[in-house]
Amino acid sequence: MTGKLMVKRIVIICLTFFIVFKASGQAAYLPPEKPKLIVAIIVEQLRYDQLEKFRNRLGENGIRRLLNEGTYFQNASFEFLLTQSGPCHATISTGAEPSQHGITSDNWYFPLRNELIHCTKDISVDPTGGSYESGLHSPANLYSSTFTDELKMATNKKAKVFAVGLNETPVILSAGHSADGAFWYDKNTGTWMSSTYYIRKLPAWVNDFNAMNYPVGLLNNQWNLLKPVSEYSDCMPDTNIYEMGFKSVNYFPYDLKKLSSAGRSVSDRDLSLLRETPFGNTLTTDFAIKLIEEEKLGADDIPDFLAVCYASTDYIGHRFGPSSREMADAIYRLDRDIEKLMKHLNDKLGKRNILIYFTSAHGVAEIPAILEASRIPAGYFRQNQALQLLRSYMNAVYGEGDWIRGFIGKQIYLNRTLIEDAKIPLEEVQKKVARFIVQFTGVASAYPYSAFESNDFGNGTMRKTINNFSPQRSGDVIVTLSPGWVEKHDENVTDHSSPYEYDSHVPLIWYGWAINRQTVTRKVNMADIAVTLSSLCKVPFPNASTGAPMYELFR
């Protein structure tokens, strides 16, 4: 055999092996038709810029792994006015704006019963485990279907759907109407519970988990900084005049055993404190992993769904502000919890079989006093004082009477029965109230109910307001505060619930299954998540959805 022929044969053999290797390699990484388990990781009160700020200080296998291996949408926002927990979680799950899904705010006034309604409150159900008041909740007030509802219907109810978290509102609105289970932490008993809307009896594994009394063990620890002090150098000083803290203590370390026992007997602990520390997220992670194991999620080819709702960052942000060391430490510890969850998912099911989306339900405003110290316009809107002056004004114009029912979620509710009895045109009163309230410092705008009945607006704040409007649940006058301004509450130093960047712009990352590594800079609406899931899983869109699939995930 000539040398030239020998070289030719070697080249052919090498090319053949390369082609076979290449083909087999591609086949090895082809994802299944659908993911076996979809996991929603939804964090309360995490701004987009906070993730960018701490990105290079996070561990390799937690949030950074999502960022480095997934599709990162850098410009995801909620496109409505009241960026509160209820409306935001409902928008994520339904693909609709509050005007369609009906959860316009965390609370609204119901005039026929003269009652303040919480968005998931339902007195027709009973608690399953836990304390009585903590169990009177269901998705009854959610008008539209969710992605998980459509998934259950499309699979003849074979898909398993669960949600877990420290608070009932995110859990219920993420689980939807047809879920197999929704479990939340009862702050009174320190146990996981549900309501009879979902289940009549807690599963044995939940009772076993509750029997371990993990909350007490977690509250026997100190909360100290997880990382060296240098990792918090761009945060506010540990001791400062701006933060609320716990019982006037606003610096590390926090003796959680002492704080949860103050003024109580030895056997009686304030187990609600756990929610306001990073260890509430740790408990949520451990419970979620236990649920995955016990309910055998992802065990077959029918996609299952689990929402893990992390809420401790919300409590910490309200008490300490987004620039505090406490908030930074909560993010570092959350990253470690997510690493633990991801390790379990990757080890048990494999990356190709799981689809994770990581996002936040809303952001938060900087503490107004911190902004003012840097000569940036900001302040506290004292709604109680404004309401008192408004009532005096109404009495002067229309005579003595209970003309104003209340100021709830930046909405003013009028006494429509009294106005009707007085034969005063409702629209006239709404406009007078709006013109009066807009004169207060810190108020950017005030729109009467009548402005939204027949008008269609373009973009901007007016479009976000109409996206939040519901004739059955919205107030008579909707108020928008100026940028940097928040409502004043006794136990919080800052708040969210505005259309501005710091409240509406949140991180959004997709990871696993058929997701490529890429960064997307175009603007996307958080209402796009549910319809994207529906498209990926080939099930119908939620019935009131207005979002559009994120086409970058289909390449």
Protein backbone atom coordinates (compact mmCIF):
# COMPACT_ATOMS: atom_id res chain seq x y z
CA MET A 1 0.00 0.00 0.00
CA THR A 2 1.47 3.33 -1.01
CA GLY A 3 2.07 6.00 1.59
CA LYS A 4 -0.36 8.34 -0.16
CA LEU A 5 -3.14 5.73 -0.03
CA MET A 6 -2.40 5.02 3.62
CA VAL A 7 -2.70 8.71 4.52
CA LYS A 8 -5.98 8.92 2.58
CA ARG A 9 -7.46 5.97 4.48
CA ILE A 10 -6.37 7.42 7.83
CA VAL A 11 -8.00 10.73 6.98
CA ILE A 12 -11.25 8.96 5.99
CA ILE A 13 -11.25 6.92 9.21
CA CYS A 14 -10.62 10.05 11.32
CA LEU A 15 -13.38 11.96 9.55
CA THR A 16 -15.77 9.05 10.07
CA PHE A 17 -14.99 8.90 13.79
CA PHE A 18 -15.37 12.69 14.03
CA ILE A 19 -18.78 12.63 12.32
CA VAL A 20 -20.00 9.74 14.49
CA PHE A 21 -18.65 11.39 17.64
CA LYS A 22 -20.18 14.71 16.67
CA ALA A 23 -23.58 13.13 15.99
CA SER A 24 -23.53 11.09 19.17
CA GLY A 25 -22.47 14.13 21.12
CA GLN A 26 -25.35 16.16 19.75
CA ALA A 27 -27.79 13.36 20.44
CA ALA A 28 -26.57 13.14 24.02
CA TYR A 29 -27.51 16.76 24.59
CA LEU A 30 -30.81 16.86 22.75
CA PRO A 31 -33.43 17.84 25.34
CA PRO A 32 -36.66 15.87 25.73
CA GLU A 33 -39.78 17.20 24.04
CA LYS A 34 -40.95 18.78 27.31
CA PRO A 35 -39.27 19.36 30.69
CA LYS A 36 -40.15 16.91 33.43
CA LEU A 37 -40.28 19.61 36.11
CA ILE A 38 -40.77 23.36 35.88
CA VAL A 39 -39.56 25.31 38.91
CA ALA A 40 -40.50 28.94 39.44
CA ILE A 41 -38.13 30.70 41.84
CA ILE A 42 -39.84 33.97 42.73
CA VAL A 43 -38.18 36.35 45.18
CA GLU A 44 -40.10 39.08 46.96
CA GLN A 45 -38.44 42.50 46.72
CA LEU A 46 -35.33 41.95 44.59
CA ARG A 47 -34.47 44.76 42.21
CA TYR A 48 -32.66 44.20 38.93
CA ASP A 49 -29.77 46.44 39.99
CA GLN A 50 -29.27 44.51 43.24
CA LEU A 51 -28.55 41.34 41.29
CA GLU A 52 -26.03 43.21 39.14
CA LYS A 53 -24.46 44.80 42.20
CA PHE A 54 -23.71 41.51 43.94
CA ARG A 55 -23.27 39.33 40.86
CA ASN A 56 -19.49 38.85 41.11
CA ARG A 57 -19.65 38.17 44.86
CA LEU A 58 -22.14 35.32 44.64
CA GLY A 59 -21.19 31.64 44.67
CA GLU A 60 -20.43 29.77 41.46
CA ASN A 61 -23.34 27.34 41.62
CA GLY A 62 -26.30 29.47 42.73
CA ILE A 63 -27.65 32.55 41.00
CA ARG A 64 -24.39 32.97 39.06
CA ARG A 65 -24.88 29.57 37.50
CA LEU A 66 -28.31 30.68 36.32
CA LEU A 67 -26.75 33.82 34.87
CA ASN A 68 -23.78 32.07 33.26
CA GLU A 69 -25.66 29.13 31.73
CA GLY A 70 -29.15 30.53 31.11
CA THR A 71 -30.98 33.20 29.15
CA TYR A 72 -30.91 36.48 31.03
CA PHE A 73 -33.56 39.08 30.21
CA GLN A 74 -32.06 42.32 31.50
CA ASN A 75 -35.04 44.56 30.83
CA ALA A 76 -38.07 42.79 32.32
CA SER A 77 -40.70 44.96 33.98
CA PHE A 78 -44.22 44.99 35.34
CA GLU A 79 -46.36 47.31 33.24
CA PHE A 80 -48.94 48.41 35.81
CA LEU A 81 -49.25 50.90 38.63
CA LEU A 82 -49.44 49.05 41.96
CA THR A 83 -46.39 46.78 42.11
CA GLN A 84 -47.51 44.87 45.18
CA SER A 85 -47.11 41.19 45.97
CA GLY A 86 -50.61 40.06 44.96
CA PRO A 87 -50.88 41.83 41.58
CA CYS A 88 -47.32 40.89 40.60
CA HIS A 89 -47.61 37.19 41.42
CA ALA A 90 -50.97 37.04 39.66
CA THR A 91 -49.52 38.65 36.54
CA ILE A 92 -46.63 36.18 36.47
CA SER A 93 -48.99 33.21 36.74
CA THR A 94 -51.79 34.40 34.42
CA GLY A 95 -49.93 36.35 31.75
CA ALA A 96 -52.47 39.15 32.21
CA GLU A 97 -52.52 42.63 33.69
CA PRO A 98 -54.43 43.29 36.95
CA SER A 99 -57.30 44.83 34.96
CA GLN A 100 -57.87 41.34 33.48
CA HIS A 101 -56.95 38.95 36.30
CA GLY A 102 -58.67 41.04 38.99
CA ILE A 103 -55.94 41.16 41.67
CA THR A 104 -55.57 44.93 41.45
CA SER A 105 -53.89 45.32 44.85
CA ASP A 106 -53.08 43.36 47.98
CA ASN A 107 -56.23 44.79 49.61
CA TRP A 108 -59.31 46.59 48.36
CA TYR A 109 -62.51 47.99 49.80
CA PHE A 110 -65.80 46.17 49.24
CA PRO A 111 -68.57 48.81 49.59
CA LEU A 112 -71.57 46.45 49.82
CA ARG A 113 -70.20 44.96 53.05
CA ASN A 114 -68.21 48.01 54.12
CA GLU A 115 -65.26 45.67 54.40
CA LEU A 116 -61.55 45.64 53.59
CA ILE A 117 -60.81 42.57 51.47
CA HIS A 118 -57.42 40.86 51.29
CA CYS A 119 -56.78 39.52 47.80
CA THR A 120 -56.69 35.83 48.81
CA LYS A 121 -59.09 35.98 51.76
CA ASP A 122 -61.90 33.42 51.58
CA ILE A 123 -64.14 32.82 54.61
CA SER A 124 -65.83 29.89 52.85
CA VAL A 125 -62.81 27.66 53.40
CA ASP A 126 -61.20 26.32 56.59
CA PRO A 127 -57.57 25.95 57.60
CA THR A 128 -55.77 22.67 57.01
CA GLY A 129 -53.30 22.55 59.86
CA GLY A 130 -52.03 25.75 61.46
CA SER A 131 -54.13 28.49 63.06
CA TYR A 132 -57.64 29.52 62.07
CA GLU A 133 -57.13 33.02 60.62
CA SER A 134 -54.03 31.95 58.70
CA GLY A 135 -56.02 29.35 56.79
CA LEU A 136 -58.93 31.40 55.43
CA HIS A 137 -57.41 31.77 51.98
CA SER A 138 -57.95 30.56 48.41
CA PRO A 139 -57.61 31.83 44.79
CA ALA A 140 -61.35 32.65 44.64
CA ASN A 141 -60.69 36.34 43.87
CA LEU A 142 -58.46 35.52 40.89
CA TYR A 143 -60.62 35.98 37.80
CA SER A 144 -58.54 34.23 35.15
CA SER A 145 -56.83 30.90 34.64
CA THR A 146 -53.11 30.46 35.23
CA PHE A 147 -50.46 28.57 33.27
CA THR A 148 -50.69 25.80 35.85
CA ASP A 149 -54.49 25.58 35.40
CA GLU A 150 -54.02 25.14 31.66
CA LEU A 151 -51.26 22.58 32.25
CA LYS A 152 -53.56 20.54 34.50
CA MET A 153 -56.38 20.68 31.94
CA ALA A 154 -54.14 19.80 29.00
CA THR A 155 -52.74 16.72 30.78
CA ASN A 156 -56.09 15.47 32.08
CA LYS A 157 -54.94 16.52 35.57
CA LYS A 158 -51.91 14.22 35.43
CA ALA A 159 -49.41 17.07 35.83
CA LYS A 160 -48.61 17.73 39.47
CA VAL A 161 -48.73 21.36 40.62
CA PHE A 162 -47.50 22.70 43.95
CA ALA A 163 -46.38 25.99 45.48
CA VAL A 164 -44.59 26.76 48.75
CA GLY A 165 -43.57 29.95 50.57
CA LEU A 166 -43.67 31.90 53.81
CA ASN A 167 -46.82 33.88 52.90
CA GLU A 168 -50.14 32.64 51.59
CA THR A 169 -50.61 35.31 48.90
CA PRO A 170 -47.61 34.49 46.65
CA VAL A 171 -48.15 30.77 47.16
CA ILE A 172 -51.86 30.73 46.27
CA LEU A 173 -51.58 33.05 43.27
CA SER A 174 -48.61 31.06 41.94
CA ALA A 175 -50.36 27.71 42.47
CA GLY A 176 -53.57 28.74 40.68
CA HIS A 177 -57.05 27.25 40.92
CA SER A 178 -56.34 23.61 40.12
CA ALA A 179 -53.16 22.92 42.09
CA ASP A 180 -52.57 19.68 43.96
CA GLY A 181 -51.23 21.59 46.94
CA ALA A 182 -50.26 25.02 48.24
CA PHE A 183 -48.37 25.25 51.52
CA TRP A 184 -47.42 28.32 53.52
CA TYR A 185 -45.79 29.08 56.86
CA ASP A 186 -48.09 29.86 59.76
CA LYS A 187 -46.43 32.64 61.76
CA ASN A 188 -48.48 31.76 64.85
CA THR A 189 -47.63 28.06 65.14
CA GLY A 190 -44.37 27.87 63.19
CA THR A 191 -45.77 25.06 61.02
CA TRP A 192 -46.57 24.54 57.34
CA MET A 193 -50.26 24.64 56.52
CA SER A 194 -52.82 24.97 53.74
CA SER A 195 -56.59 25.43 53.40
CA THR A 196 -59.45 23.11 52.60
CA TYR A 197 -59.67 24.67 49.14
CA TYR A 198 -56.67 22.49 48.26
CA ILE A 199 -56.58 19.59 50.75
CA ARG A 200 -58.64 18.39 53.72
CA LYS A 201 -55.74 16.83 55.60
CA LEU A 202 -52.02 17.55 55.64
CA PRO A 203 -49.94 14.77 54.07
CA ALA A 204 -48.04 12.62 56.55
CA TRP A 205 -44.71 13.96 55.32
CA VAL A 206 -45.79 17.56 56.09
CA ASN A 207 -46.79 16.54 59.62
CA ASP A 208 -43.43 14.82 60.01
CA PHE A 209 -41.63 17.94 58.79
CA ASN A 210 -43.61 20.12 61.19
CA ALA A 211 -42.82 17.75 64.07
CA MET A 212 -39.10 18.48 63.65
CA ASN A 213 -39.73 22.04 64.94
CA TYR A 214 -37.14 23.58 62.61
CA PRO A 215 -38.26 27.23 63.19
CA VAL A 216 -37.31 27.11 66.88
CA GLY A 217 -33.94 25.64 66.01
CA LEU A 218 -33.30 28.37 63.42
CA LEU A 219 -34.34 31.07 65.90
CA ASN A 220 -31.86 29.73 68.47
CA ASN A 221 -29.04 31.09 66.28
CA GLN A 222 -27.47 34.48 65.85
CA TRP A 223 -27.79 36.31 62.57
CA ASN A 224 -24.32 37.50 61.74
CA LEU A 225 -22.63 38.54 58.52
CA LEU A 226 -22.05 35.58 56.22
CA LYS A 227 -19.06 37.11 54.44
CA PRO A 228 -16.09 39.30 55.43
CA VAL A 229 -16.96 42.92 56.15
CA SER A 230 -15.18 44.01 52.95
CA GLU A 231 -17.95 42.31 50.93
CA TYR A 232 -20.41 44.89 52.32
CA SER A 233 -18.28 47.98 51.69
CA ASP A 234 -20.76 49.52 49.22
CA CYS A 235 -23.67 49.18 51.65
CA MET A 236 -24.82 51.62 54.31
CA PRO A 237 -22.83 51.57 57.58
CA ASP A 238 -23.98 48.86 59.96
CA THR A 239 -25.14 51.44 62.50
CA ASN A 240 -27.10 54.34 61.03
CA ILE A 241 -30.14 56.49 61.75
CA TYR A 242 -32.23 55.35 58.78
CA GLU A 243 -33.08 51.72 59.50
CA MET A 244 -35.97 50.42 61.59
CA GLY A 245 -34.36 47.24 62.88
CA PHE A 246 -35.84 44.79 65.41
CA LYS A 247 -37.06 46.35 68.65
CA SER A 248 -34.69 49.30 68.07
CA VAL A 249 -31.72 47.00 67.35
CA ASN A 250 -30.41 47.69 63.83
CA TYR A 251 -26.85 46.32 63.79
CA PHE A 252 -25.13 42.92 63.69
CA PRO A 253 -25.14 40.46 65.34
CA TYR A 254 -28.83 39.82 65.97
CA ASP A 255 -29.54 37.47 68.85
CA LEU A 256 -32.63 35.80 67.39
CA LYS A 257 -33.29 33.72 70.48
CA LYS A 258 -33.42 36.82 72.62
CA LEU A 259 -35.46 38.81 70.10
CA SER A 260 -38.02 36.03 69.65
CA SER A 261 -38.35 35.50 73.40
CA ALA A 262 -38.57 39.11 74.56
CA GLY A 263 -41.53 39.61 76.90
CA ARG A 264 -42.60 35.97 76.57
CA SER A 265 -42.43 32.82 78.65
CA VAL A 266 -39.69 30.27 78.04
CA SER A 267 -42.01 27.99 76.06
CA ASP A 268 -43.60 30.83 74.08
CA ARG A 269 -41.61 32.20 71.13
CA ASP A 270 -42.43 34.78 68.49
CA LEU A 271 -42.14 32.44 65.51
CA SER A 272 -43.19 35.20 63.10
CA LEU A 273 -39.68 36.66 63.48
CA LEU A 274 -38.30 33.85 61.33
CA ARG A 275 -39.93 35.38 58.24
CA GLU A 276 -37.96 38.58 58.79
CA THR A 277 -34.57 36.87 58.73
CA PRO A 278 -32.75 35.05 55.90
CA PHE A 279 -33.42 31.78 57.71
CA GLY A 280 -37.05 31.97 56.62
CA ASN A 281 -35.76 31.40 53.08
CA THR A 282 -33.65 28.49 54.33
CA LEU A 283 -36.74 26.86 55.83
CA THR A 284 -38.58 27.40 52.54
CA THR A 285 -35.76 25.71 50.60
CA ASP A 286 -35.68 22.67 52.87
CA PHE A 287 -39.46 22.29 52.68
CA ALA A 288 -39.42 22.62 48.87
CA ILE A 289 -36.77 19.89 48.54
CA LYS A 290 -38.77 17.65 50.86
CA LEU A 291 -41.87 18.22 48.71
CA ILE A 292 -40.00 17.33 45.50
CA GLU A 293 -38.91 14.06 47.09
CA GLU A 294 -42.18 13.08 48.76
CA GLU A 295 -44.51 14.05 45.91
CA LYS A 296 -42.13 12.53 43.33
CA LEU A 297 -42.09 15.58 41.09
CA GLY A 298 -40.51 15.06 37.68
CA ALA A 299 -40.82 11.28 37.90
CA ASP A 300 -42.48 10.84 34.48
CA ASP A 301 -42.63 12.55 31.10
CA ILE A 302 -45.63 14.72 32.00
CA PRO A 303 -44.37 18.16 33.11
CA ASP A 304 -44.86 18.94 36.79
CA PHE A 305 -44.68 22.43 38.34
CA LEU A 306 -43.35 23.82 41.61
CA ALA A 307 -43.30 27.48 42.65
CA VAL A 308 -40.84 28.37 45.40
CA CYS A 309 -41.72 31.80 46.77
CA TYR A 310 -38.96 33.44 48.82
CA ALA A 311 -40.33 36.22 51.04
CA SER A 312 -37.71 37.06 53.69
CA THR A 313 -36.08 39.68 51.46
CA ASP A 314 -39.39 41.57 51.47
CA TYR A 315 -39.53 41.88 55.26
CA ILE A 316 -35.84 42.73 55.51
CA GLY A 317 -36.07 45.35 52.77
CA HIS A 318 -39.01 47.08 54.44
CA ARG A 319 -37.21 47.25 57.79
CA PHE A 320 -33.68 48.03 56.64
CA GLY A 321 -33.87 49.34 53.07
CA PRO A 322 -32.27 48.04 49.86
CA SER A 323 -28.80 49.49 50.59
CA SER A 324 -28.43 47.96 54.04
CA ARG A 325 -25.93 45.29 55.06
CA GLU A 326 -28.88 43.25 56.23
CA MET A 327 -30.31 43.18 52.71
CA ALA A 328 -26.94 42.34 51.20
CA ASP A 329 -26.50 39.48 53.65
CA ALA A 330 -30.01 38.23 52.89
CA ILE A 331 -29.11 38.09 49.18
CA TYR A 332 -25.84 36.25 49.89
CA ARG A 333 -27.71 33.70 52.00
CA LEU A 334 -30.52 33.41 49.44
CA ASP A 335 -27.89 32.59 46.84
CA ARG A 336 -26.67 29.74 49.04
CA ASP A 337 -30.24 28.44 49.42
CA ILE A 338 -30.78 28.53 45.66
CA GLU A 339 -27.50 26.67 45.18
CA LYS A 340 -28.80 23.93 47.49
CA LEU A 341 -32.09 23.72 45.59
CA MET A 342 -30.37 23.62 42.20
CA LYS A 343 -27.93 20.94 43.32
CA HIS A 344 -30.84 18.75 44.37
CA LEU A 345 -32.65 19.32 41.06
CA ASN A 346 -29.57 18.72 38.91
CA ASP A 347 -28.50 15.64 40.87
CA LYS A 348 -31.98 14.09 40.93
CA LEU A 349 -33.38 14.99 37.51
CA GLY A 350 -30.54 16.44 35.48
CA LYS A 351 -30.33 19.85 33.86
CA ARG A 352 -31.90 18.63 30.60
CA ASN A 353 -35.10 17.61 32.43
CA ILE A 354 -35.72 20.76 34.47
CA LEU A 355 -36.85 24.23 33.40
CA ILE A 356 -36.21 26.97 35.96
CA TYR A 357 -37.23 30.58 35.75
CA PHE A 358 -35.85 32.94 38.38
CA THR A 359 -37.44 36.33 38.92
CA SER A 360 -38.77 38.80 41.48
CA ALA A 361 -42.30 39.89 42.33
CA HIS A 362 -41.33 43.56 42.69
CA GLY A 363 -38.53 45.91 43.69
CA VAL A 364 -38.40 48.55 46.42
CA ALA A 365 -37.70 52.26 46.81
CA GLU A 366 -34.60 53.54 48.55
CA ILE A 367 -35.23 54.93 52.02
CA PRO A 368 -36.37 58.53 51.34
CA ALA A 369 -34.14 59.98 54.06
CA ILE A 370 -31.06 58.48 52.38
CA LEU A 371 -32.02 60.09 49.09
CA GLU A 372 -32.68 63.41 50.78
CA ALA A 373 -29.25 63.27 52.41
CA SER A 374 -27.81 63.23 48.87
CA ARG A 375 -30.11 66.11 47.82
CA ILE A 376 -32.25 63.81 45.66
CA PRO A 377 -35.98 64.67 45.81
CA ALA A 378 -37.81 62.17 48.01
CA GLY A 379 -40.01 61.97 51.06
CA TYR A 380 -42.76 60.25 53.01
CA PHE A 381 -46.38 60.78 52.04
CA ARG A 382 -48.35 60.80 55.29
CA GLN A 383 -51.63 59.43 54.04
CA ASN A 384 -53.42 59.66 57.41
CA GLN A 385 -52.81 63.39 57.62
CA ALA A 386 -53.84 63.86 54.00
CA LEU A 387 -57.02 61.89 54.62
CA GLN A 388 -57.87 64.00 57.66
CA LEU A 389 -57.52 67.20 55.65
CA LEU A 390 -59.52 65.70 52.79
CA ARG A 391 -62.39 64.84 55.15
CA SER A 392 -62.40 68.41 56.48
CA TYR A 393 -62.51 69.72 52.93
CA MET A 394 -65.42 67.44 52.00
CA ASN A 395 -67.37 68.50 55.08
CA ALA A 396 -66.83 72.14 54.14
CA VAL A 397 -68.05 71.55 50.57
CA TYR A 398 -70.91 69.07 51.09
CA GLY A 399 -71.74 69.35 54.79
CA GLU A 400 -71.00 67.02 57.70
CA GLY A 401 -70.83 63.37 56.69
CA ASP A 402 -68.67 60.30 56.33
CA TRP A 403 -67.83 61.06 52.71
CA ILE A 404 -64.53 59.14 52.62
CA ARG A 405 -64.34 55.43 53.40
CA GLY A 406 -60.57 55.19 53.34
CA PHE A 407 -57.21 55.45 51.60
CA ILE A 408 -56.10 51.93 50.63
CA GLY A 409 -53.21 51.07 48.33
CA LYS A 410 -52.93 54.60 46.92
CA GLN A 411 -56.65 54.59 46.16
CA ILE A 412 -59.34 56.72 47.75
CA TYR A 413 -62.70 55.03 48.30
CA LEU A 414 -65.79 57.24 48.64
CA ASN A 415 -69.04 56.57 50.50
CA ARG A 416 -71.13 56.04 47.39
CA THR A 417 -74.31 55.34 49.34
CA LEU A 418 -74.11 58.69 51.12
CA ILE A 419 -73.29 60.49 47.86
CA GLU A 420 -76.23 58.86 46.12
CA ASP A 421 -78.61 59.70 48.98
CA ALA A 422 -77.44 63.31 48.85
CA LYS A 423 -78.24 63.31 45.10
CA ILE A 424 -74.76 64.54 44.25
CA PRO A 425 -73.27 63.33 40.94
CA LEU A 426 -70.56 60.77 41.79
CA GLU A 427 -68.30 61.98 39.01
CA GLU A 428 -68.38 65.50 40.44
CA VAL A 429 -67.21 64.28 43.86
CA GLN A 430 -64.48 62.11 42.34
CA LYS A 431 -63.09 65.04 40.39
CA LYS A 432 -63.17 67.35 43.42
CA VAL A 433 -61.28 64.78 45.51
CA ALA A 434 -58.70 64.30 42.76
CA ARG A 435 -58.13 68.04 42.40
CA PHE A 436 -57.73 68.42 46.15
CA ILE A 437 -55.36 65.52 46.76
CA VAL A 438 -53.03 66.38 43.88
CA GLN A 439 -52.10 69.59 45.72
CA PHE A 440 -50.18 67.65 48.39
CA THR A 441 -46.40 67.58 48.25
CA GLY A 442 -45.24 64.20 46.99
CA VAL A 443 -48.34 63.52 44.87
CA ALA A 444 -47.54 63.29 41.16
CA SER A 445 -51.09 62.71 39.91
CA ALA A 446 -54.61 61.81 41.01
CA TYR A 447 -57.12 60.45 38.53
CA PRO A 448 -60.86 60.03 39.14
CA TYR A 449 -62.62 56.75 38.35
CA SER A 450 -64.40 58.32 35.39
CA ALA A 451 -61.09 58.91 33.59
CA PHE A 452 -60.68 55.18 33.00
CA GLU A 453 -64.20 54.12 32.04
CA SER A 454 -63.98 54.81 28.33
CA ASN A 455 -60.49 56.07 27.56
CA ASP A 456 -57.62 54.17 25.96
CA PHE A 457 -54.18 55.55 26.69
CA GLY A 458 -50.82 55.10 25.00
CA ASN A 459 -47.68 54.35 26.97
CA GLY A 460 -46.33 55.75 30.22
CA THR A 461 -47.90 56.08 33.65
CA MET A 462 -51.43 56.45 32.31
CA ARG A 463 -51.16 53.13 30.46
CA LYS A 464 -49.84 51.48 33.63
CA THR A 465 -52.75 52.96 35.57
CA ILE A 466 -55.36 51.64 33.14
CA ASN A 467 -53.64 48.23 33.29
CA ASN A 468 -54.32 48.30 37.02
CA PHE A 469 -57.93 49.47 36.85
CA SER A 470 -60.93 47.27 37.66
CA PRO A 471 -64.44 48.77 37.96
CA GLN A 472 -65.34 46.28 40.70
CA ARG A 473 -62.23 46.73 42.86
CA SER A 474 -60.43 49.98 42.11
CA GLY A 475 -60.95 53.10 44.16
CA ASP A 476 -62.79 56.26 43.15
CA VAL A 477 -59.51 58.17 42.86
CA ILE A 478 -56.16 56.58 42.03
CA VAL A 479 -53.09 58.40 43.34
CA THR A 480 -49.52 58.25 42.04
CA LEU A 481 -46.72 59.54 44.24
CA SER A 482 -43.70 61.35 42.86
CA PRO A 483 -40.47 59.38 42.25
CA GLY A 484 -38.67 58.63 45.51
CA TRP A 485 -41.79 59.13 47.64
CA VAL A 486 -43.39 56.32 49.63
CA GLU A 487 -46.28 56.02 52.03
CA LYS A 488 -45.37 56.28 55.71
CA HIS A 489 -45.98 53.14 57.77
CA ASP A 490 -45.01 52.69 61.40
CA GLU A 491 -42.93 49.51 61.01
CA ASN A 492 -41.37 50.16 57.59
CA VAL A 493 -38.75 52.62 56.45
CA THR A 494 -39.52 52.12 52.76
CA ASP A 495 -42.06 50.52 50.44
CA HIS A 496 -42.86 49.48 46.88
CA SER A 497 -46.13 49.83 44.90
CA SER A 498 -45.26 52.38 42.22
CA PRO A 499 -44.78 52.35 38.43
CA TYR A 500 -41.21 53.58 38.71
CA GLU A 501 -38.03 51.74 37.71
CA TYR A 502 -36.97 50.81 41.23
CA ASP A 503 -40.27 48.99 41.83
CA SER A 504 -41.12 47.58 38.38
CA HIS A 505 -37.76 46.50 36.90
CA VAL A 506 -36.83 42.99 38.08
CA PRO A 507 -34.40 40.24 37.06
CA LEU A 508 -35.60 37.37 34.85
CA ILE A 509 -33.47 34.31 34.04
CA TRP A 510 -34.40 31.03 32.33
CA TYR A 511 -32.24 27.94 32.89
CA GLY A 512 -32.08 24.23 32.03
CA TRP A 513 -33.93 21.99 29.51
CA ALA A 514 -33.60 23.59 26.01
CA ILE A 515 -32.48 27.02 27.24
CA ASN A 516 -29.40 28.51 25.57
CA ARG A 517 -26.82 30.77 27.12
CA GLN A 518 -27.57 34.34 26.06
CA THR A 519 -28.33 37.84 27.28
CA VAL A 520 -31.40 39.70 25.97
CA THR A 521 -31.58 43.48 26.27
CA ARG A 522 -34.97 44.20 24.70
CA LYS A 523 -37.83 45.23 26.96
CA VAL A 524 -40.18 42.42 27.98
CA ASN A 525 -43.37 42.47 30.03
CA MET A 526 -43.62 40.17 33.04
CA ALA A 527 -46.99 39.12 31.62
CA ASP A 528 -44.96 37.31 28.95
CA ILE A 529 -43.83 34.56 31.35
CA ALA A 530 -47.05 32.52 31.47
CA VAL A 531 -47.61 32.49 27.71
CA THR A 532 -43.97 31.58 27.16
CA LEU A 533 -44.42 28.59 29.45
CA SER A 534 -47.58 27.63 27.59
CA SER A 535 -45.76 27.81 24.27
CA LEU A 536 -42.79 25.79 25.51
CA CYS A 537 -45.08 23.10 26.95
CA LYS A 538 -47.55 23.22 24.05
CA VAL A 539 -50.61 23.91 26.18
CA PRO A 540 -53.27 26.66 25.76
CA PHE A 541 -52.50 30.17 26.93
CA PRO A 542 -54.20 31.29 30.17
CA ASN A 543 -57.66 32.52 29.20
CA ALA A 544 -57.15 36.24 29.95
CA SER A 545 -53.49 36.48 28.95
CA THR A 546 -52.20 39.50 27.06
CA GLY A 547 -48.49 38.69 27.06
CA ALA A 548 -46.40 37.42 24.15
CA PRO A 549 -43.97 34.46 24.06
CA MET A 550 -40.31 35.39 24.50
CA TYR A 551 -39.12 34.28 21.06
CA GLU A 552 -35.45 34.15 22.07
CA LEU A 553 -36.16 30.93 24.00
CA PHE A 554 -37.38 29.12 20.85
CA ARG A 555 -34.19 29.36 18.79
